N, C-alpha and C. Protein backbone atom coordinates (compact mmCIF):
# COMPACT_ATOMS: atom_id res chain seq x y z
N UNK A 1 7.19 -9.39 35.37
CA UNK A 1 7.03 -8.43 34.68
C UNK A 1 5.05 -8.88 34.38
N UNK A 2 4.61 -7.63 34.63
CA UNK A 2 2.98 -7.50 34.62
C UNK A 2 2.88 -7.18 32.88
N UNK A 3 1.53 -8.55 32.78
CA UNK A 3 1.15 -8.23 31.47
C UNK A 3 -0.19 -9.14 31.84
N UNK A 4 -1.33 -8.06 31.05
CA UNK A 4 -2.79 -9.07 31.06
C UNK A 4 -2.68 -9.40 29.79
N UNK A 5 -2.89 -10.64 29.61
CA UNK A 5 -2.85 -12.12 29.00
C UNK A 5 -3.98 -11.92 28.15
N UNK A 6 -4.22 -11.34 26.82
CA UNK A 6 -5.26 -11.22 26.06
C UNK A 6 -6.07 -12.62 25.85
N UNK A 7 -5.24 -13.88 25.34
CA UNK A 7 -5.60 -14.97 25.27
C UNK A 7 -4.69 -15.90 26.19
N UNK A 8 -5.55 -16.51 26.97
CA UNK A 8 -4.33 -17.74 27.82
C UNK A 8 -4.30 -18.99 26.85
N UNK A 9 -4.57 -19.01 25.86
CA UNK A 9 -4.06 -20.27 24.71
C UNK A 9 -2.90 -20.08 24.63
N UNK A 10 -2.36 -21.36 24.63
CA UNK A 10 -1.34 -22.02 24.36
C UNK A 10 -1.08 -22.24 22.93
N UNK A 11 -0.01 -21.92 21.65
CA UNK A 11 -0.28 -22.22 20.85
C UNK A 11 0.28 -23.56 20.30
N UNK A 12 -0.15 -24.60 19.41
CA UNK A 12 0.11 -25.95 19.53
C UNK A 12 1.55 -25.73 18.74
N UNK A 13 2.50 -26.97 18.84
CA UNK A 13 3.77 -27.21 18.32
C UNK A 13 3.66 -27.70 16.85
N UNK A 14 3.26 -26.71 15.90
CA UNK A 14 3.26 -27.10 14.85
C UNK A 14 3.45 -26.37 13.88
N UNK A 15 3.64 -26.33 12.51
CA UNK A 15 3.95 -25.38 11.62
C UNK A 15 2.99 -25.46 10.37
N UNK A 16 1.45 -26.11 10.57
CA UNK A 16 0.58 -26.31 10.26
C UNK A 16 -0.86 -25.19 10.45
N UNK A 17 -0.68 -24.14 9.72
CA UNK A 17 -1.74 -22.95 10.09
C UNK A 17 -2.85 -23.14 10.36
N UNK A 18 -3.50 -24.10 9.59
CA UNK A 18 -4.93 -25.06 9.41
C UNK A 18 -5.31 -25.30 11.33
N UNK A 19 -4.45 -25.55 12.02
CA UNK A 19 -4.59 -26.03 13.33
C UNK A 19 -5.32 -25.21 14.14
N UNK A 20 -4.93 -23.93 13.88
CA UNK A 20 -5.06 -22.88 14.80
C UNK A 20 -5.81 -21.87 14.02
N UNK A 21 -6.45 -21.65 12.76
CA UNK A 21 -6.86 -20.82 11.93
C UNK A 21 -7.87 -20.20 12.57
N UNK A 22 -8.16 -18.66 12.32
CA UNK A 22 -9.23 -17.98 12.99
C UNK A 22 -8.41 -17.48 14.28
N UNK A 23 -7.41 -18.01 15.10
CA UNK A 23 -7.14 -17.35 16.59
C UNK A 23 -6.24 -15.88 16.13
N UNK A 24 -6.14 -15.46 15.01
CA UNK A 24 -4.92 -14.48 15.07
C UNK A 24 -3.97 -14.24 16.09
N UNK A 25 -3.74 -15.04 16.32
CA UNK A 25 -1.97 -15.35 17.43
C UNK A 25 -0.99 -15.48 16.73
N UNK A 26 0.04 -15.09 17.07
CA UNK A 26 1.29 -15.33 16.59
C UNK A 26 1.90 -16.59 16.65
N UNK A 27 2.33 -17.52 15.99
CA UNK A 27 2.61 -18.60 15.96
C UNK A 27 4.43 -18.28 15.59
N UNK A 28 5.18 -18.93 17.11
CA UNK A 28 6.58 -18.95 16.95
C UNK A 28 6.85 -20.20 16.12
N UNK A 29 7.79 -20.36 14.86
CA UNK A 29 8.28 -21.01 13.99
C UNK A 29 9.02 -22.23 14.24
N UNK A 30 9.81 -21.86 15.79
CA UNK A 30 10.81 -22.72 16.20
C UNK A 30 10.09 -23.44 17.00
N UNK A 31 8.94 -23.90 16.93
CA UNK A 31 8.27 -25.08 17.57
C UNK A 31 8.53 -24.81 19.13
N UNK A 32 7.85 -23.33 19.94
CA UNK A 32 7.84 -22.76 21.15
C UNK A 32 6.56 -22.37 21.27
N UNK A 33 6.09 -22.49 22.10
CA UNK A 33 4.81 -22.03 22.55
C UNK A 33 4.62 -20.50 22.64
N UNK A 34 3.67 -19.46 22.50
CA UNK A 34 3.70 -18.47 22.09
C UNK A 34 2.54 -17.78 22.74
N UNK A 35 2.96 -16.55 23.47
CA UNK A 35 1.52 -15.76 23.71
C UNK A 35 1.40 -14.46 23.28
N UNK A 36 0.02 -14.09 23.10
CA UNK A 36 -0.08 -12.73 22.48
C UNK A 36 -0.36 -11.88 23.61
N UNK A 37 0.12 -10.83 23.92
CA UNK A 37 -0.30 -10.35 25.36
C UNK A 37 -0.85 -8.68 24.48
N UNK A 38 -1.58 -8.16 25.86
CA UNK A 38 -1.78 -6.64 25.67
C UNK A 38 -0.76 -5.71 25.58
N UNK A 39 1.07 -5.93 25.81
CA UNK A 39 1.94 -5.38 26.38
C UNK A 39 2.64 -4.76 25.06
N UNK A 40 1.90 -4.78 24.00
CA UNK A 40 3.12 -4.48 23.05
C UNK A 40 3.23 -5.20 22.13
N UNK A 41 3.15 -6.36 21.85
CA UNK A 41 3.38 -7.52 21.20
C UNK A 41 3.27 -7.80 19.81
N UNK A 42 2.07 -6.91 19.20
CA UNK A 42 1.76 -6.84 18.27
C UNK A 42 2.90 -6.37 17.07
N UNK A 43 3.55 -5.67 17.77
CA UNK A 43 5.18 -5.18 17.15
C UNK A 43 5.65 -6.48 16.83
N UNK A 44 6.03 -7.54 17.79
CA UNK A 44 6.30 -8.76 17.59
C UNK A 44 5.83 -9.82 16.45
N UNK A 45 4.16 -9.36 16.20
CA UNK A 45 3.75 -10.11 15.31
C UNK A 45 4.20 -10.02 13.69
N UNK A 46 4.02 -8.26 13.96
CA UNK A 46 4.42 -7.84 12.61
C UNK A 46 5.51 -7.90 12.37
N UNK A 47 6.84 -8.49 13.22
CA UNK A 47 7.70 -8.05 12.83
C UNK A 47 8.24 -10.13 12.88
N UNK A 48 7.52 -11.05 12.94
CA UNK A 48 7.91 -12.18 12.74
C UNK A 48 8.30 -12.76 11.33
N UNK A 49 9.31 -13.45 11.48
CA UNK A 49 10.09 -13.97 9.94
C UNK A 49 9.68 -15.28 9.83
N UNK A 50 9.33 -15.69 8.43
CA UNK A 50 8.85 -16.87 8.38
C UNK A 50 10.67 -17.92 7.88
N UNK A 51 10.49 -19.27 8.77
CA UNK A 51 11.92 -19.53 8.45
C UNK A 51 12.03 -19.95 6.77
N UNK A 52 13.07 -20.06 6.05
CA UNK A 52 13.34 -20.65 4.62
C UNK A 52 12.94 -21.93 4.40
N UNK A 53 12.58 -22.66 5.51
CA UNK A 53 12.08 -24.11 4.72
C UNK A 53 10.59 -24.34 5.05
N UNK A 54 9.91 -23.32 5.99
CA UNK A 54 8.50 -23.00 6.11
C UNK A 54 8.42 -22.78 4.74
N UNK A 55 8.77 -21.63 4.61
CA UNK A 55 8.48 -21.06 3.22
C UNK A 55 8.75 -21.93 1.70
N UNK A 56 9.59 -22.23 1.91
CA UNK A 56 9.61 -23.61 0.55
C UNK A 56 8.71 -24.62 1.04
N UNK A 57 8.39 -25.31 2.17
CA UNK A 57 7.45 -26.21 2.38
C UNK A 57 5.73 -26.12 1.67
N UNK A 58 5.50 -24.75 2.34
CA UNK A 58 4.34 -24.12 1.53
C UNK A 58 3.90 -23.60 0.22
N UNK A 59 5.37 -23.10 -0.41
CA UNK A 59 5.46 -22.86 -1.91
C UNK A 59 5.06 -24.31 -2.65
N UNK A 60 5.73 -25.35 -2.20
CA UNK A 60 5.62 -26.13 -2.52
C UNK A 60 4.33 -26.96 -2.68
N UNK A 61 3.57 -27.29 -1.60
CA UNK A 61 2.17 -27.44 -1.77
C UNK A 61 1.52 -26.22 -2.35
N UNK A 62 1.60 -25.21 -2.36
CA UNK A 62 0.78 -24.28 -3.24
C UNK A 62 0.71 -24.97 -4.75
N UNK A 63 2.31 -24.90 -5.18
CA UNK A 63 2.35 -25.29 -6.55
C UNK A 63 2.14 -26.61 -7.38
N UNK A 64 2.41 -27.77 -6.46
CA UNK A 64 1.54 -29.02 -6.62
C UNK A 64 0.35 -28.91 -6.66
N UNK A 65 -0.63 -27.84 -5.60
CA UNK A 65 -2.11 -28.02 -6.18
C UNK A 65 -2.48 -27.25 -7.26
N UNK A 66 -2.01 -26.05 -7.34
CA UNK A 66 -1.93 -25.00 -8.50
C UNK A 66 -1.78 -25.85 -9.85
N UNK A 67 -0.68 -26.64 -9.94
CA UNK A 67 -0.26 -27.48 -11.07
C UNK A 67 -1.64 -28.60 -11.46
N UNK A 68 -2.26 -29.06 -10.43
CA UNK A 68 -2.90 -29.95 -10.55
C UNK A 68 -4.38 -29.64 -10.73
N UNK A 69 -4.57 -28.05 -10.56
CA UNK A 69 -5.94 -27.60 -10.80
C UNK A 69 -6.69 -27.62 -9.80
N UNK A 70 -6.43 -28.06 -8.34
CA UNK A 70 -7.14 -28.35 -7.36
C UNK A 70 -6.25 -27.45 -6.31
N UNK A 71 -6.23 -26.23 -6.43
CA UNK A 71 -5.85 -25.31 -5.50
C UNK A 71 -6.78 -24.93 -4.20
N UNK A 72 -6.36 -25.20 -2.83
CA UNK A 72 -7.98 -24.63 -2.29
C UNK A 72 -7.86 -23.59 -1.37
N UNK A 73 -8.42 -22.82 -1.28
CA UNK A 73 -8.07 -21.35 -0.22
C UNK A 73 -7.58 -21.36 0.54
N UNK A 74 -6.94 -22.82 1.41
CA UNK A 74 -6.56 -23.22 2.57
C UNK A 74 -5.17 -22.84 2.41
N UNK A 75 -4.84 -23.74 1.28
CA UNK A 75 -3.25 -24.02 1.10
C UNK A 75 -2.73 -22.41 0.20
N UNK A 76 -3.93 -21.84 -0.33
CA UNK A 76 -3.29 -20.34 -1.06
C UNK A 76 -3.38 -19.25 0.40
N UNK A 77 -3.96 -19.15 1.21
CA UNK A 77 -3.87 -18.89 2.34
C UNK A 77 -2.25 -18.93 3.17
N UNK A 78 -2.38 -20.12 3.11
CA UNK A 78 -1.06 -20.79 3.81
C UNK A 78 0.08 -19.84 3.74
N UNK A 79 0.60 -20.29 2.47
CA UNK A 79 1.69 -19.57 1.43
C UNK A 79 1.67 -18.13 1.39
N UNK A 80 0.46 -17.30 1.11
CA UNK A 80 0.32 -15.80 1.27
C UNK A 80 0.73 -15.66 2.66
N UNK A 81 0.36 -16.31 3.67
CA UNK A 81 0.66 -16.05 4.91
C UNK A 81 2.28 -15.99 5.42
N UNK A 82 2.98 -17.22 4.63
CA UNK A 82 4.50 -17.27 4.95
C UNK A 82 4.85 -16.08 3.93
N UNK A 83 4.31 -15.83 2.68
CA UNK A 83 5.05 -14.34 2.23
C UNK A 83 5.09 -13.39 2.82
N UNK A 84 3.97 -13.02 3.51
CA UNK A 84 3.45 -11.65 4.29
C UNK A 84 4.96 -11.86 5.49
N UNK A 85 4.92 -12.93 5.71
CA UNK A 85 6.10 -12.91 6.67
C UNK A 85 7.34 -13.07 6.47
N UNK A 86 8.07 -13.11 5.20
CA UNK A 86 9.28 -12.73 4.62
C UNK A 86 9.98 -11.38 4.86
N UNK A 87 11.08 -11.35 4.44
CA UNK A 87 12.22 -10.22 4.63
C UNK A 87 11.88 -9.60 3.36
N UNK A 88 11.61 -9.91 2.26
CA UNK A 88 11.64 -9.76 0.93
C UNK A 88 10.71 -8.82 0.45
N UNK A 89 10.72 -7.81 0.19
CA UNK A 89 9.33 -7.09 -0.33
C UNK A 89 8.88 -7.66 -1.60
N UNK A 90 9.40 -8.59 -2.69
CA UNK A 90 8.92 -9.18 -3.78
C UNK A 90 8.01 -10.05 -3.24
N UNK A 91 8.73 -10.99 -2.51
CA UNK A 91 7.63 -12.06 -1.54
C UNK A 91 6.23 -11.36 -0.94
N UNK A 92 6.40 -10.29 -0.09
CA UNK A 92 5.54 -9.40 1.06
C UNK A 92 4.68 -9.06 -0.11
N UNK A 93 4.71 -8.80 -1.48
CA UNK A 93 4.18 -8.14 -2.64
C UNK A 93 2.91 -9.42 -2.79
N UNK A 94 4.33 -10.43 -3.39
CA UNK A 94 3.05 -11.84 -3.81
C UNK A 94 1.98 -12.34 -2.85
N UNK A 95 2.20 -12.01 -1.66
CA UNK A 95 1.62 -12.37 -0.73
C UNK A 95 -0.17 -11.72 -0.54
N UNK A 96 0.34 -10.34 -0.53
CA UNK A 96 -0.89 -9.20 -0.66
C UNK A 96 -1.51 -9.64 -2.02
N UNK A 97 -0.80 -9.91 -3.22
CA UNK A 97 -1.87 -10.12 -4.24
C UNK A 97 -2.42 -11.58 -3.97
N UNK A 98 -1.76 -12.98 -3.42
CA UNK A 98 -2.57 -13.55 -3.39
C UNK A 98 -3.83 -13.83 -2.25
N UNK A 99 -3.57 -12.75 -1.03
CA UNK A 99 -4.69 -12.24 -0.27
C UNK A 99 -6.21 -11.25 -0.82
N UNK A 100 -5.55 -10.23 -1.22
CA UNK A 100 -6.16 -9.62 -2.22
C UNK A 100 -7.34 -10.45 -3.08
N UNK A 101 -6.89 -11.53 -3.63
CA UNK A 101 -7.56 -12.85 -4.34
C UNK A 101 -8.48 -12.90 -3.36
N UNK A 102 -8.36 -13.66 -2.23
CA UNK A 102 -8.81 -14.48 -1.28
C UNK A 102 -9.92 -13.61 -0.82
N UNK A 103 -9.80 -12.35 -0.31
CA UNK A 103 -10.66 -11.62 0.68
C UNK A 103 -11.84 -11.66 -0.01
N UNK A 104 -12.12 -11.09 -1.50
CA UNK A 104 -13.28 -11.05 -1.86
C UNK A 104 -14.07 -12.38 -2.40
N UNK A 105 -13.84 -13.48 -1.80
CA UNK A 105 -14.64 -14.83 -2.36
C UNK A 105 -14.61 -15.92 -1.02
N UNK A 106 -13.89 -14.69 -0.07
CA UNK A 106 -14.39 -15.45 1.46
C UNK A 106 -15.19 -15.47 2.59
N UNK A 107 -15.33 -16.23 3.20
CA UNK A 107 -16.24 -16.05 4.61
C UNK A 107 -16.09 -14.94 5.46
N UNK A 108 -16.96 -14.53 6.12
CA UNK A 108 -16.46 -13.59 7.14
C UNK A 108 -15.47 -14.06 8.28
N UNK A 109 -15.71 -15.07 8.56
CA UNK A 109 -14.49 -15.46 9.28
C UNK A 109 -13.07 -15.81 8.60
N UNK A 110 -13.24 -16.33 7.18
CA UNK A 110 -12.07 -16.23 6.51
C UNK A 110 -11.30 -14.63 6.13
N UNK A 111 -12.38 -13.84 5.97
CA UNK A 111 -12.20 -12.21 5.20
C UNK A 111 -11.44 -11.86 6.46
N UNK A 112 -11.81 -11.98 8.10
CA UNK A 112 -11.06 -11.82 9.41
C UNK A 112 -9.35 -11.63 9.09
N UNK A 113 -9.17 -13.06 8.73
CA UNK A 113 -7.94 -13.59 8.33
C UNK A 113 -7.01 -12.51 7.34
N UNK A 114 -7.66 -12.65 6.19
CA UNK A 114 -7.32 -12.35 5.19
C UNK A 114 -7.01 -10.72 5.16
N UNK A 115 -7.96 -9.99 6.07
CA UNK A 115 -7.89 -8.38 6.10
C UNK A 115 -6.70 -8.56 7.06
N UNK A 116 -6.64 -9.09 8.14
CA UNK A 116 -5.56 -8.77 9.39
C UNK A 116 -4.27 -9.12 8.92
N UNK A 117 -3.77 -10.17 7.60
CA UNK A 117 -2.59 -10.34 7.39
C UNK A 117 -2.50 -9.19 6.24
N UNK A 118 -3.59 -9.09 5.47
CA UNK A 118 -3.22 -7.90 4.26
C UNK A 118 -2.85 -6.48 5.38
N UNK A 119 -3.40 -6.40 6.15
CA UNK A 119 -2.83 -5.00 6.83
C UNK A 119 -1.61 -5.23 7.50
N UNK A 120 -0.81 -6.37 7.69
CA UNK A 120 0.19 -6.37 8.47
C UNK A 120 1.10 -6.67 7.19
N UNK A 121 0.85 -6.83 5.67
CA UNK A 121 1.80 -7.25 4.94
C UNK A 121 2.12 -5.83 4.04
N UNK A 122 0.91 -4.84 4.23
CA UNK A 122 1.11 -2.94 4.14
C UNK A 122 2.03 -2.84 4.93
N UNK A 123 1.78 -2.77 6.03
CA UNK A 123 2.53 -2.31 7.25
C UNK A 123 3.88 -2.47 6.97
N UNK A 124 4.22 -3.58 6.92
CA UNK A 124 5.62 -3.81 6.46
C UNK A 124 6.33 -3.24 5.55
N UNK A 125 5.42 -3.20 4.18
CA UNK A 125 6.15 -2.34 3.09
C UNK A 125 5.68 -0.96 2.84
N UNK A 126 5.44 -0.50 4.27
CA UNK A 126 4.86 0.95 4.53
C UNK A 126 3.86 1.65 3.80
N UNK A 127 3.00 0.83 3.26
CA UNK A 127 1.75 1.65 2.82
C UNK A 127 1.03 1.35 3.92
N UNK A 128 1.26 2.47 4.60
CA UNK A 128 -0.13 2.67 5.89
C UNK A 128 -1.66 3.29 5.50
N UNK A 129 -1.47 3.51 4.40
CA UNK A 129 -2.67 3.86 4.30
C UNK A 129 -3.82 2.83 3.07
N UNK A 130 -2.87 2.24 3.15
CA UNK A 130 -3.45 0.45 2.40
C UNK A 130 -3.97 -0.55 3.83
N UNK A 131 -3.09 -0.47 4.62
CA UNK A 131 -2.95 -1.23 5.78
C UNK A 131 -4.13 -1.04 6.54
N UNK A 132 -4.48 0.29 6.83
CA UNK A 132 -4.92 1.10 7.89
C UNK A 132 -6.81 0.97 7.60
N UNK A 133 -6.75 0.91 6.18
CA UNK A 133 -7.73 0.48 5.17
C UNK A 133 -8.43 -0.84 5.59
N UNK A 134 -7.17 -1.87 5.59
CA UNK A 134 -7.71 -3.48 5.44
C UNK A 134 -8.57 -3.38 7.15
N UNK A 135 -7.38 -2.86 7.76
CA UNK A 135 -7.82 -3.22 9.58
C UNK A 135 -9.22 -3.03 9.85
N UNK A 136 -9.52 -1.60 9.15
CA UNK A 136 -11.03 -0.68 9.47
C UNK A 136 -11.92 -1.23 8.99
N UNK A 137 -11.85 -2.07 8.10
CA UNK A 137 -12.84 -2.82 7.15
C UNK A 137 -13.22 -4.15 8.17
N UNK A 138 -11.79 -4.81 8.86
CA UNK A 138 -11.85 -5.74 10.35
C UNK A 138 -12.87 -4.89 11.27
N UNK A 139 -12.33 -4.18 11.67
CA UNK A 139 -13.27 -3.43 12.78
C UNK A 139 -14.22 -2.82 12.81
N UNK A 140 -14.74 -3.16 11.30
CA UNK A 140 -16.02 -2.40 11.13
C UNK A 140 -17.20 -3.63 11.32
N UNK A 141 -16.60 -5.17 11.06
CA UNK A 141 -16.98 -6.12 11.26
C UNK A 141 -17.18 -6.65 12.76
N UNK A 142 -15.55 -6.37 13.26
CA UNK A 142 -15.62 -7.04 14.76
C UNK A 142 -15.24 -5.65 15.72
N UNK A 143 -15.82 -5.15 16.00
CA UNK A 143 -15.06 -3.42 16.67
C UNK A 143 -14.51 -4.29 18.00
N UNK A 144 -14.28 -5.24 18.67
CA UNK A 144 -13.91 -5.50 19.80
C UNK A 144 -12.74 -6.26 19.32
N UNK A 145 -12.23 -6.38 18.41
CA UNK A 145 -11.12 -7.52 17.78
C UNK A 145 -9.93 -6.75 18.51
N UNK A 146 -9.57 -7.15 19.68
CA UNK A 146 -8.31 -6.68 20.11
C UNK A 146 -7.19 -7.08 19.37
N UNK A 147 -6.78 -8.17 18.57
CA UNK A 147 -5.72 -8.07 17.79
C UNK A 147 -5.99 -6.69 16.90
N UNK A 148 -6.84 -6.56 16.23
CA UNK A 148 -7.28 -5.65 15.14
C UNK A 148 -6.63 -4.10 15.87
N UNK A 149 -7.23 -4.18 16.89
CA UNK A 149 -6.92 -2.73 17.61
C UNK A 149 -5.57 -2.19 17.91
N UNK A 150 -5.27 -3.70 17.81
CA UNK A 150 -3.52 -3.06 18.53
C UNK A 150 -3.11 -3.02 17.46
N UNK A 151 -3.19 -3.52 15.90
CA UNK A 151 -2.62 -3.44 14.84
C UNK A 151 -2.98 -2.04 14.14
N UNK A 152 -4.03 -1.34 14.31
CA UNK A 152 -4.70 -0.28 14.08
C UNK A 152 -3.69 0.74 14.77
N UNK A 153 -3.51 1.03 16.12
CA UNK A 153 -2.89 1.59 16.43
C UNK A 153 -1.45 1.39 16.11
N UNK A 154 -0.68 0.20 15.80
CA UNK A 154 0.87 0.33 15.50
C UNK A 154 1.12 1.01 14.32
N UNK A 155 -0.23 0.93 13.14
CA UNK A 155 -0.05 1.67 12.13
C UNK A 155 -0.17 3.13 12.24
N UNK A 156 -1.22 3.66 13.29
CA UNK A 156 -1.16 5.08 13.49
C UNK A 156 -0.17 6.01 13.79
N UNK A 157 0.38 4.78 14.78
CA UNK A 157 1.94 5.53 15.42
C UNK A 157 3.06 5.45 14.27
N UNK A 158 2.78 4.38 13.15
CA UNK A 158 3.89 4.66 12.12
C UNK A 158 3.22 5.75 11.44
N UNK A 159 2.23 6.14 10.88
CA UNK A 159 1.66 7.09 10.04
C UNK A 159 2.60 8.63 10.97
N UNK A 160 1.87 8.54 11.61
CA UNK A 160 2.24 9.78 12.83
C UNK A 160 4.27 9.94 12.82
N UNK A 161 4.52 8.96 12.71
CA UNK A 161 6.48 8.85 13.07
C UNK A 161 6.56 9.57 11.45
N UNK A 162 6.16 9.05 10.75
CA UNK A 162 6.47 9.36 9.51
C UNK A 162 6.34 10.38 9.01
N UNK A 163 5.06 10.87 9.35
CA UNK A 163 4.49 12.55 9.05
C UNK A 163 5.17 13.41 9.80
N UNK A 164 5.98 12.94 10.52
CA UNK A 164 6.77 13.96 11.62
C UNK A 164 7.91 14.30 11.35
N UNK A 165 8.51 13.18 10.57
CA UNK A 165 9.49 12.94 9.97
C UNK A 165 9.68 13.44 8.65
N UNK A 166 8.77 13.57 7.89
CA UNK A 166 8.46 14.35 6.34
C UNK A 166 8.11 16.21 6.83
N UNK A 167 7.37 15.93 7.84
CA UNK A 167 7.36 17.53 8.35
C UNK A 167 8.89 18.30 8.72
N UNK A 168 9.84 17.54 9.63
CA UNK A 168 10.87 17.95 9.71
C UNK A 168 12.01 18.12 8.81
N UNK A 169 11.59 17.20 7.76
CA UNK A 169 12.26 17.62 6.39
C UNK A 169 11.95 18.96 5.88
N UNK A 170 10.57 18.91 5.26
CA UNK A 170 10.32 20.18 5.10
C UNK A 170 10.82 21.27 5.93
N UNK A 171 10.93 21.30 7.10
CA UNK A 171 11.00 22.49 7.62
C UNK A 171 12.66 22.47 7.87
N UNK A 172 13.23 21.48 7.37
CA UNK A 172 14.70 21.96 7.42
C UNK A 172 14.83 22.77 5.83
N UNK A 173 14.45 21.91 5.11
CA UNK A 173 14.38 22.77 4.10
C UNK A 173 13.79 24.35 3.97
N UNK A 174 12.90 24.27 4.08
CA UNK A 174 12.45 25.89 4.68
C UNK A 174 13.29 26.64 5.03
N UNK A 175 13.65 26.11 6.51
CA UNK A 175 14.80 26.99 7.19
C UNK A 175 16.08 27.26 6.43
N UNK A 176 16.01 26.16 5.49
CA UNK A 176 17.66 26.30 5.25
C UNK A 176 17.52 27.66 3.77
N UNK A 177 16.19 27.17 3.32
CA UNK A 177 16.04 28.61 2.18
C UNK A 177 15.79 30.19 3.24
N UNK A 178 15.17 29.78 3.96
CA UNK A 178 15.00 31.29 4.88
C UNK A 178 16.59 31.67 5.23
N UNK A 179 17.21 30.85 5.42
CA UNK A 179 18.44 31.05 6.33
C UNK A 179 19.40 31.76 4.82
N UNK A 180 19.17 30.96 3.78
CA UNK A 180 19.68 31.54 2.76
C UNK A 180 19.40 32.99 2.25
N UNK A 181 17.93 33.08 2.08
CA UNK A 181 17.50 34.40 1.87
C UNK A 181 18.22 35.29 2.78
N UNK A 182 18.12 35.15 4.23
CA UNK A 182 18.24 36.22 5.25
C UNK A 182 20.16 36.45 4.75
N UNK A 183 20.38 35.53 4.55
CA UNK A 183 22.19 36.02 4.29
C UNK A 183 22.38 36.45 2.82
N UNK A 184 21.54 36.56 1.97
CA UNK A 184 21.54 37.05 0.81
C UNK A 184 21.33 38.48 0.86
N UNK A 185 20.26 38.36 1.60
CA UNK A 185 19.58 40.14 2.43
C UNK A 185 20.96 40.92 2.62
N UNK A 186 21.72 39.92 3.92
CA UNK A 186 22.73 40.97 4.83
C UNK A 186 23.63 41.27 3.56
N UNK A 187 24.31 40.34 2.48
CA UNK A 187 24.91 40.94 1.71
C UNK A 187 24.76 41.86 0.94
N UNK A 188 23.62 42.01 0.16
CA UNK A 188 23.04 43.18 -0.41
C UNK A 188 23.24 44.40 0.52
N UNK A 189 22.65 44.08 1.45
CA UNK A 189 22.86 45.55 2.33
C UNK A 189 24.36 45.87 2.81
N UNK A 190 25.23 44.82 2.71
CA UNK A 190 26.54 45.41 3.47
C UNK A 190 26.87 45.94 2.31
N UNK A 191 26.56 45.01 1.10
CA UNK A 191 27.25 46.07 -0.32
C UNK A 191 26.73 47.56 -0.58
N UNK A 192 25.17 47.48 -0.39
CA UNK A 192 24.69 48.72 -0.67
C UNK A 192 25.51 49.86 0.19
N UNK A 193 25.51 49.49 1.40
CA UNK A 193 26.64 50.43 2.75
C UNK A 193 27.83 50.72 1.77
N UNK A 194 28.28 49.93 1.52
CA UNK A 194 29.84 50.60 0.86
C UNK A 194 29.94 51.32 -0.24
N UNK A 195 28.61 51.06 -0.81
CA UNK A 195 28.88 52.19 -2.09
C UNK A 195 28.15 53.19 -1.73
N UNK A 196 27.23 53.71 -0.27
CA UNK A 196 27.10 54.84 -0.30
C UNK A 196 28.38 55.80 0.53
C-alpha cells in the first residue's frame, strides 16, 4: 500500500490532548499509534469517535474547574474536542458552542485548532456552509495547512453530493409532474376524440 505520509510523527500513547496540541493529527484513543496520511484519512479523522470513558474524564475535569471558577482554555478545549467527536448531535452542538466561545479569545495558534474542530463539528452535523467558512478562515491564515486543505475538499465533496441528491429529488418531482400532465392531456385528448 503506497501512501505519502504528511507527518512521519507518531502520536504518543496518551489521552491527554495537551501532550500534542497544535499538531492537528488524529489520536487513536485505543492507545495505539496513528499516522495521518494524504491518502484520504481525513474521513477517518472526522469519523473518529470519543470513548465514553474519555468523554466522562474530560467532562469531570471541565465541571470541576468550572465549579471552582478556574476554568482554563485548555480544559475547555479538551472537553469541546471530546464533544465534537461524539456520535450524539446534542454533544456535537455543545462542543461547537464551547469552540465558538474560545475562537474569539484565542491566539492565532489556538484559533487554528478551534477552527479546525469547529469545521469538523459542523461537517458532522451536515452544516457544510458553516464548516466551510471555518476551514477557509483557517486557510486564509495558513494557506499551506494540508489537514485544512484535506478537510476543505471533504466538505466540498459532501456539499456536491448533497446538492446532486437534492437536484435528483427535484428532478424526480418535476419529472413526475410532467408525466402526470402528459397523462392528463392524453386522457383529455382521448375523451375529446370519443365525443367527435
